[in-house]
Amino acid sequence: MLRRFARSQPVVSTPTPHSSRACARLHRMGAAKSTMRQDGQQHQQQQDALGVVIVDHGSRRKASNDMLLDFCQLYQQNTRQAVVEPAHMEIAEPTIAQAIGRCAERGAKHVVVAPYFLSRGRHIQEDIPALVAAAQKQYPQLQCSIAEPIGIDPLMVQLISNRVKAVLADDSRLAAAPAEQSHGTAQLEAVQPTGS
């Protein structure tokens, strides 16, 4: 037997202090979400207007220069930064000026040159600032800044620690291999007849 439900009559509710507080809370939540959306859009616009040039020394060896390309790709994937360009301080292309020009072509308004160098040597203090200043003259519409080099950082400690552990693991495997080989050689010598 089908049960029929009576149609509900419209309910007119009178506002209570609780309901007005709930409405106010919902209004604040909506405003916060709207602000978050605006902040997110503004952050995206700032990222779109930002270009990052990662610069290393440069080498005559193609494999060394290609390593910078791999690092730039990894940086872009991990940071979601839209405009990332590689540059070599000398010897190879793209140069710093070429990379900054490429950022300008891609719509960047502010370019940060990030040295892929460990310490604040002459290249960081003199050479790179001079090259960036020269490029800035070619692209006066851009704001160019230079980041600090990698330097001393706890993340570097962890990285070096990982490298030390890796080489120790390799060394222990290598140390075990000759022992096994010498044991096999000794067995072969024991079965070989001595000649005259």
C-alpha atoms as a PDB file:
ATOM      1  CA  MET A   1       0.000   0.000   0.000  1.00  0.00           C
ATOM      2  CA  LEU A   2       1.427   3.335  -1.062  1.00  0.00           C
ATOM      3  CA  ARG A   3       1.748   5.919   1.607  1.00  0.00           C
ATOM      4  CA  ARG A   4       0.816   9.440   0.646  1.00  0.00           C
ATOM      5  CA  PHE A   5       2.730  12.260   2.224  1.00  0.00           C
ATOM      6  CA  ALA A   6       0.831  15.426   2.869  1.00  0.00           C
ATOM      7  CA  ARG A   7       2.173  18.456   1.110  1.00  0.00           C
ATOM      8  CA  SER A   8       4.027  20.622   3.518  1.00  0.00           C
ATOM      9  CA  GLN A   9       2.779  24.089   4.116  1.00  0.00           C
ATOM     10  CA  PRO A  10       5.211  26.976   3.651  1.00  0.00           C
ATOM     11  CA  VAL A  11       6.865  27.775   6.927  1.00  0.00           C
ATOM     12  CA  VAL A  12       7.467  31.378   7.821  1.00  0.00           C
ATOM     13  CA  SER A  13      10.357  31.537  10.217  1.00  0.00           C
ATOM     14  CA  THR A  14      11.024  34.418  12.478  1.00  0.00           C
ATOM     15  CA  PRO A  15      14.673  35.371  12.821  1.00  0.00           C
ATOM     16  CA  THR A  16      16.281  34.274  16.037  1.00  0.00           C
ATOM     17  CA  PRO A  17      19.586  35.398  17.492  1.00  0.00           C
ATOM     18  CA  HIS A  18      21.036  31.994  16.559  1.00  0.00           C
ATOM     19  CA  SER A  19      19.957  32.212  12.919  1.00  0.00           C
ATOM     20  CA  SER A  20      21.302  35.757  12.502  1.00  0.00           C
ATOM     21  CA  ARG A  21      24.644  34.633  13.964  1.00  0.00           C
ATOM     22  CA  ALA A  22      24.713  31.695  11.528  1.00  0.00           C
ATOM     23  CA  CYS A  23      23.964  34.024   8.612  1.00  0.00           C
ATOM     24  CA  ALA A  24      26.742  36.342   9.698  1.00  0.00           C
ATOM     25  CA  ARG A  25      29.130  33.402   9.948  1.00  0.00           C
ATOM     26  CA  LEU A  26      28.140  32.191   6.465  1.00  0.00           C
ATOM     27  CA  HIS A  27      28.602  35.703   5.122  1.00  0.00           C
ATOM     28  CA  ARG A  28      32.100  35.875   6.649  1.00  0.00           C
ATOM     29  CA  MET A  29      32.969  32.443   5.206  1.00  0.00           C
ATOM     30  CA  GLY A  30      31.775  33.531   1.766  1.00  0.00           C
ATOM     31  CA  ALA A  31      33.802  36.730   2.002  1.00  0.00           C
ATOM     32  CA  ALA A  32      36.875  34.734   3.099  1.00  0.00           C
ATOM     33  CA  LYS A  33      36.485  32.345   0.148  1.00  0.00           C
ATOM     34  CA  SER A  34      36.116  35.297  -2.200  1.00  0.00           C
ATOM     35  CA  THR A  35      39.263  36.882  -0.738  1.00  0.00           C
ATOM     36  CA  MET A  36      41.122  33.556  -1.096  1.00  0.00           C
ATOM     37  CA  ARG A  37      40.037  33.356  -4.747  1.00  0.00           C
ATOM     38  CA  GLN A  38      41.189  36.923  -5.353  1.00  0.00           C
ATOM     39  CA  ASP A  39      44.492  36.249  -3.561  1.00  0.00           C
ATOM     40  CA  GLY A  40      44.963  33.106  -5.651  1.00  0.00           C
ATOM     41  CA  GLN A  41      44.251  34.998  -8.869  1.00  0.00           C
ATOM     42  CA  GLN A  42      46.586  37.803  -7.810  1.00  0.00           C
ATOM     43  CA  HIS A  43      49.308  35.280  -6.934  1.00  0.00           C
ATOM     44  CA  GLN A  44      48.851  33.604 -10.335  1.00  0.00           C
ATOM     45  CA  GLN A  45      49.079  36.972 -12.080  1.00  0.00           C
ATOM     46  CA  GLN A  46      52.264  37.759 -10.152  1.00  0.00           C
ATOM     47  CA  GLN A  47      53.698  34.366 -11.126  1.00  0.00           C
ATOM     48  CA  ASP A  48      52.736  34.913 -14.761  1.00  0.00           C
ATOM     49  CA  ALA A  49      54.454  38.323 -14.696  1.00  0.00           C
ATOM     50  CA  LEU A  50      57.579  36.848 -13.080  1.00  0.00           C
ATOM     51  CA  GLY A  51      60.447  35.301 -15.002  1.00  0.00           C
ATOM     52  CA  VAL A  52      63.174  33.245 -13.331  1.00  0.00           C
ATOM     53  CA  VAL A  53      66.580  32.907 -14.983  1.00  0.00           C
ATOM     54  CA  ILE A  54      68.730  30.153 -13.475  1.00  0.00           C
ATOM     55  CA  VAL A  55      72.353  30.845 -14.359  1.00  0.00           C
ATOM     56  CA  ASP A  56      75.385  28.589 -14.034  1.00  0.00           C
ATOM     57  CA  HIS A  57      78.998  29.147 -15.075  1.00  0.00           C
ATOM     58  CA  GLY A  58      78.813  27.541 -18.509  1.00  0.00           C
ATOM     59  CA  SER A  59      81.030  24.841 -19.938  1.00  0.00           C
ATOM     60  CA  ARG A  60      82.556  23.628 -23.197  1.00  0.00           C
ATOM     61  CA  ARG A  61      81.096  20.228 -22.394  1.00  0.00           C
ATOM     62  CA  LYS A  62      77.576  19.786 -23.753  1.00  0.00           C
ATOM     63  CA  ALA A  63      76.687  17.295 -21.002  1.00  0.00           C
ATOM     64  CA  SER A  64      77.446  19.892 -18.325  1.00  0.00           C
ATOM     65  CA  ASN A  65      75.306  22.521 -20.044  1.00  0.00           C
ATOM     66  CA  ASP A  66      72.485  20.016 -20.554  1.00  0.00           C
ATOM     67  CA  MET A  67      72.463  19.392 -16.809  1.00  0.00           C
ATOM     68  CA  LEU A  68      71.276  22.988 -16.293  1.00  0.00           C
ATOM     69  CA  LEU A  69      68.385  22.356 -18.694  1.00  0.00           C
ATOM     70  CA  ASP A  70      67.391  19.313 -16.634  1.00  0.00           C
ATOM     71  CA  PHE A  71      67.551  21.349 -13.434  1.00  0.00           C
ATOM     72  CA  CYS A  72      65.432  24.166 -14.902  1.00  0.00           C
ATOM     73  CA  GLN A  73      62.818  21.637 -15.959  1.00  0.00           C
ATOM     74  CA  LEU A  74      62.791  20.126 -12.461  1.00  0.00           C
ATOM     75  CA  TYR A  75      62.516  23.610 -10.912  1.00  0.00           C
ATOM     76  CA  GLN A  76      59.596  24.482 -13.162  1.00  0.00           C
ATOM     77  CA  GLN A  77      57.768  21.228 -12.404  1.00  0.00           C
ATOM     78  CA  ASN A  78      58.188  21.613  -8.645  1.00  0.00           C
ATOM     79  CA  THR A  79      57.410  25.325  -8.367  1.00  0.00           C
ATOM     80  CA  ARG A  80      54.770  25.593 -11.149  1.00  0.00           C
ATOM     81  CA  GLN A  81      56.570  28.762 -12.189  1.00  0.00           C
ATOM     82  CA  ALA A  82      55.466  29.506 -15.745  1.00  0.00           C
ATOM     83  CA  VAL A  83      58.476  31.434 -17.056  1.00  0.00           C
ATOM     84  CA  VAL A  84      61.817  29.753 -16.322  1.00  0.00           C
ATOM     85  CA  GLU A  85      64.868  30.201 -18.544  1.00  0.00           C
ATOM     86  CA  PRO A  86      68.393  28.728 -18.327  1.00  0.00           C
ATOM     87  CA  ALA A  87      71.496  30.875 -18.838  1.00  0.00           C
ATOM     88  CA  HIS A  88      75.260  30.425 -18.783  1.00  0.00           C
ATOM     89  CA  MET A  89      77.455  33.187 -17.434  1.00  0.00           C
ATOM     90  CA  GLU A  90      80.099  32.551 -20.091  1.00  0.00           C
ATOM     91  CA  ILE A  91      81.400  30.112 -22.713  1.00  0.00           C
ATOM     92  CA  ALA A  92      77.989  28.753 -23.823  1.00  0.00           C
ATOM     93  CA  GLU A  93      74.570  29.998 -24.864  1.00  0.00           C
ATOM     94  CA  PRO A  94      71.969  31.041 -23.902  1.00  0.00           C
ATOM     95  CA  THR A  95      73.658  34.016 -22.262  1.00  0.00           C
ATOM     96  CA  ILE A  96      72.138  35.962 -19.385  1.00  0.00           C
ATOM     97  CA  ALA A  97      71.010  38.693 -21.809  1.00  0.00           C
ATOM     98  CA  GLN A  98      69.389  36.124 -24.111  1.00  0.00           C
ATOM     99  CA  ALA A  99      67.563  34.464 -21.202  1.00  0.00           C
ATOM    100  CA  ILE A 100      66.299  37.813 -19.877  1.00  0.00           C
ATOM    101  CA  GLY A 101      65.142  38.705 -23.393  1.00  0.00           C
ATOM    102  CA  ARG A 102      63.288  35.407 -23.632  1.00  0.00           C
ATOM    103  CA  CYS A 103      61.519  36.188 -20.333  1.00  0.00           C
ATOM    104  CA  ALA A 104      60.450  39.558 -21.760  1.00  0.00           C
ATOM    105  CA  GLU A 105      59.120  37.867 -24.902  1.00  0.00           C
ATOM    106  CA  ARG A 106      57.092  35.510 -22.709  1.00  0.00           C
ATOM    107  CA  GLY A 107      55.412  38.404 -20.901  1.00  0.00           C
ATOM    108  CA  ALA A 108      57.486  38.736 -17.744  1.00  0.00           C
ATOM    109  CA  LYS A 109      57.575  42.150 -16.087  1.00  0.00           C
ATOM    110  CA  HIS A 110      59.983  41.209 -13.295  1.00  0.00           C
ATOM    111  CA  VAL A 111      62.951  38.883 -13.816  1.00  0.00           C
ATOM    112  CA  VAL A 112      64.839  37.259 -10.956  1.00  0.00           C
ATOM    113  CA  VAL A 113      68.275  35.917 -11.876  1.00  0.00           C
ATOM    114  CA  ALA A 114      69.006  32.959  -9.580  1.00  0.00           C
ATOM    115  CA  PRO A 115      72.676  31.891  -9.551  1.00  0.00           C
ATOM    116  CA  TYR A 116      73.243  28.147  -9.609  1.00  0.00           C
ATOM    117  CA  PHE A 117      76.480  28.773  -7.700  1.00  0.00           C
ATOM    118  CA  LEU A 118      77.503  27.683  -4.226  1.00  0.00           C
ATOM    119  CA  SER A 119      79.258  30.746  -2.772  1.00  0.00           C
ATOM    120  CA  ARG A 120      79.581  34.511  -3.142  1.00  0.00           C
ATOM    121  CA  GLY A 121      82.769  34.595  -5.201  1.00  0.00           C
ATOM    122  CA  ARG A 122      83.821  37.090  -7.865  1.00  0.00           C
ATOM    123  CA  HIS A 123      81.274  35.795 -10.365  1.00  0.00           C
ATOM    124  CA  ILE A 124      78.420  36.531  -7.936  1.00  0.00           C
ATOM    125  CA  GLN A 125      79.760  39.856  -6.696  1.00  0.00           C
ATOM    126  CA  GLU A 126      81.008  41.309  -9.990  1.00  0.00           C
ATOM    127  CA  ASP A 127      80.468  39.360 -13.207  1.00  0.00           C
ATOM    128  CA  ILE A 128      76.789  38.424 -12.959  1.00  0.00           C
ATOM    129  CA  PRO A 129      75.663  41.881 -11.704  1.00  0.00           C
ATOM    130  CA  ALA A 130      77.516  43.506 -14.628  1.00  0.00           C
ATOM    131  CA  LEU A 131      75.893  41.136 -17.159  1.00  0.00           C
ATOM    132  CA  VAL A 132      72.431  41.682 -15.661  1.00  0.00           C
ATOM    133  CA  ALA A 133      72.921  45.478 -15.699  1.00  0.00           C
ATOM    134  CA  ALA A 134      73.900  45.321 -19.384  1.00  0.00           C
ATOM    135  CA  ALA A 135      70.812  43.232 -20.186  1.00  0.00           C
ATOM    136  CA  GLN A 136      68.630  45.631 -18.175  1.00  0.00           C
ATOM    137  CA  LYS A 137      69.660  48.426 -20.556  1.00  0.00           C
ATOM    138  CA  GLN A 138      68.381  46.349 -23.495  1.00  0.00           C
ATOM    139  CA  TYR A 139      65.044  45.754 -21.736  1.00  0.00           C
ATOM    140  CA  PRO A 140      64.345  48.919 -19.692  1.00  0.00           C
ATOM    141  CA  GLN A 141      60.701  47.899 -19.200  1.00  0.00           C
ATOM    142  CA  LEU A 142      61.805  44.980 -17.013  1.00  0.00           C
ATOM    143  CA  GLN A 143      62.614  45.014 -13.329  1.00  0.00           C
ATOM    144  CA  CYS A 144      65.629  42.735 -12.782  1.00  0.00           C
ATOM    145  CA  SER A 145      66.802  41.358  -9.438  1.00  0.00           C
ATOM    146  CA  ILE A 146      69.578  38.951  -8.492  1.00  0.00           C
ATOM    147  CA  ALA A 147      68.957  36.255  -5.872  1.00  0.00           C
ATOM    148  CA  GLU A 148      71.583  35.017  -3.448  1.00  0.00           C
ATOM    149  CA  PRO A 149      73.604  31.915  -4.438  1.00  0.00           C
ATOM    150  CA  ILE A 150      72.893  28.527  -2.874  1.00  0.00           C
ATOM    151  CA  GLY A 151      75.219  29.242   0.054  1.00  0.00           C
ATOM    152  CA  ILE A 152      75.081  27.555   3.445  1.00  0.00           C
ATOM    153  CA  ASP A 153      71.683  26.004   3.998  1.00  0.00           C
ATOM    154  CA  PRO A 154      70.385  23.049   6.062  1.00  0.00           C
ATOM    155  CA  LEU A 155      69.057  21.539   2.835  1.00  0.00           C
ATOM    156  CA  MET A 156      72.633  21.417   1.538  1.00  0.00           C
ATOM    157  CA  VAL A 157      73.694  19.563   4.687  1.00  0.00           C
ATOM    158  CA  GLN A 158      71.040  16.933   3.982  1.00  0.00           C
ATOM    159  CA  LEU A 159      72.108  16.701   0.343  1.00  0.00           C
ATOM    160  CA  ILE A 160      75.800  16.210   1.195  1.00  0.00           C
ATOM    161  CA  SER A 161      74.810  13.662   3.843  1.00  0.00           C
ATOM    162  CA  ASN A 162      72.835  11.729   1.211  1.00  0.00           C
ATOM    163  CA  ARG A 163      75.837  11.783  -1.146  1.00  0.00           C
ATOM    164  CA  VAL A 164      78.189  10.524   1.620  1.00  0.00           C
ATOM    165  CA  LYS A 165      75.799   7.668   2.458  1.00  0.00           C
ATOM    166  CA  ALA A 166      75.524   6.741  -1.218  1.00  0.00           C
ATOM    167  CA  VAL A 167      79.285   6.528  -1.731  1.00  0.00           C
ATOM    168  CA  LEU A 168      79.719   4.507   1.472  1.00  0.00           C
ATOM    169  CA  ALA A 169      77.102   2.050   0.241  1.00  0.00           C
ATOM    170  CA  ASP A 170      78.947   1.799  -3.098  1.00  0.00           C
ATOM    171  CA  ASP A 171      82.290   1.334  -1.320  1.00  0.00           C
ATOM    172  CA  SER A 172      80.945  -1.503   0.821  1.00  0.00           C
ATOM    173  CA  ARG A 173      79.615  -3.255  -2.307  1.00  0.00           C
ATOM    174  CA  LEU A 174      82.955  -2.778  -4.069  1.00  0.00           C
ATOM    175  CA  ALA A 175      84.862  -4.060  -1.034  1.00  0.00           C
ATOM    176  CA  ALA A 176      82.714  -7.199  -0.982  1.00  0.00           C
ATOM    177  CA  ALA A 177      83.188  -7.873  -4.717  1.00  0.00           C
ATOM    178  CA  PRO A 178      87.029  -8.287  -4.746  1.00  0.00           C
ATOM    179  CA  ALA A 179      86.829 -10.625  -1.745  1.00  0.00           C
ATOM    180  CA  GLU A 180      84.411 -12.846  -3.669  1.00  0.00           C
ATOM    181  CA  GLN A 181      86.607 -12.668  -6.803  1.00  0.00           C
ATOM    182  CA  SER A 182      89.827 -13.545  -4.895  1.00  0.00           C
ATOM    183  CA  HIS A 183      88.031 -16.465  -3.262  1.00  0.00           C
ATOM    184  CA  GLY A 184      87.005 -17.736  -6.708  1.00  0.00           C
ATOM    185  CA  THR A 185      90.560 -17.256  -8.055  1.00  0.00           C
ATOM    186  CA  ALA A 186      92.009 -19.234  -5.135  1.00  0.00           C
ATOM    187  CA  GLN A 187      89.636 -22.102  -5.911  1.00  0.00           C
ATOM    188  CA  LEU A 188      90.707 -22.081  -9.591  1.00  0.00           C
ATOM    189  CA  GLU A 189      94.403 -22.131  -8.627  1.00  0.00           C
ATOM    190  CA  ALA A 190      93.763 -25.101  -6.317  1.00  0.00           C
ATOM    191  CA  VAL A 191      92.365 -27.243  -9.123  1.00  0.00           C
ATOM    192  CA  GLN A 192      94.866 -26.235 -11.839  1.00  0.00           C
ATOM    193  CA  PRO A 193      97.800 -28.688 -12.228  1.00  0.00           C
ATOM    194  CA  THR A 194     101.276 -27.255 -11.836  1.00  0.00           C
ATOM    195  CA  GLY A 195     103.311 -27.254 -15.022  1.00  0.00           C
ATOM    196  CA  SER A 196     107.016 -27.983 -15.482  1.00  0.00           C
END
